[in-house]
Amino acid sequence: MRKSLFYVSLCAVLSTVCYVKTGLASEAKTDSAEAMPTQATIAHGDAAAGKAGSAICAGCHGVDGVSAIPANPNLAGQGAPYILKQLIEFKSGVRNNAIMAGMVAALDETAMADLAAYYAEQTPAEGVSSEENLKLGRDIYRGGIAAIGVPACASCHGPAGAGNDAAKFPRLGGQHAEYIASSLKQFRSGERANDANRMMRLVAARLSDEEIAALANYVQGLH
């Protein structure tokens, strides 16, 4: 199994963070409701209660949150704040998905927080990257594409793809390549629009299909 372990240089991180704060922020529509982060009122969920209620999720996301269906995301090890945000936004319609809207329709925020806590405690999946476009994906993830203003993915999602719970940036490491590619294309087209300050849409808009495929492949084997 291929493990992608590396360190991002301090200069690369600092320059990327500067870009994210200035370049992307300057393009964001601050008057849009979709730019406002979801504020959950439940601080912490009950993982045991979440496990008891997770049967409704197992068919698509696996019993322990590792999905056998590449089009559906792995939830195991995903940050609880990120999962809770997505569930709330599926229910409110901020994130548009007819299947997920139906699944969460009967859930209150406590039940959502419990599910988030349960999946956050599960062991993350470890995927494998193919060699075909691995270098391109690695280069973009680590260093971005300066010529077109794409920041390094690692600056928000971490060197090993572990995400950032405080910022609600998701874990990417080990995620299905098919799901990652689909999500990036949805951000690029605007079909998905629940990213704070349009950050992911602004990044994805600059990526080609080839670059998206390479990133998705690299992320799948990242852990």
Foldseek 3Di string as FASTA:
>chain_A
DDEDDDDFDPVLLVVLVVCLVPVLLVPFDPPDPLQDQDDQPDDAAAQVLLLVVCPLVCVAQNSLQNGPDLQGKRLAQKALLLQLRVLVCLCVVLFDDVVSVVSSVPPDSRNSRNNSNNRNNGDAAAFAFDPPLQVLLLCCQRRNDVVQSAGHVCSAQNSQQSGDNVVSGIRQAQIRLNNQLVVLVCLCVVSGRNHNRSSSNVNSVSDDSSSSSNNSRNRNNGD
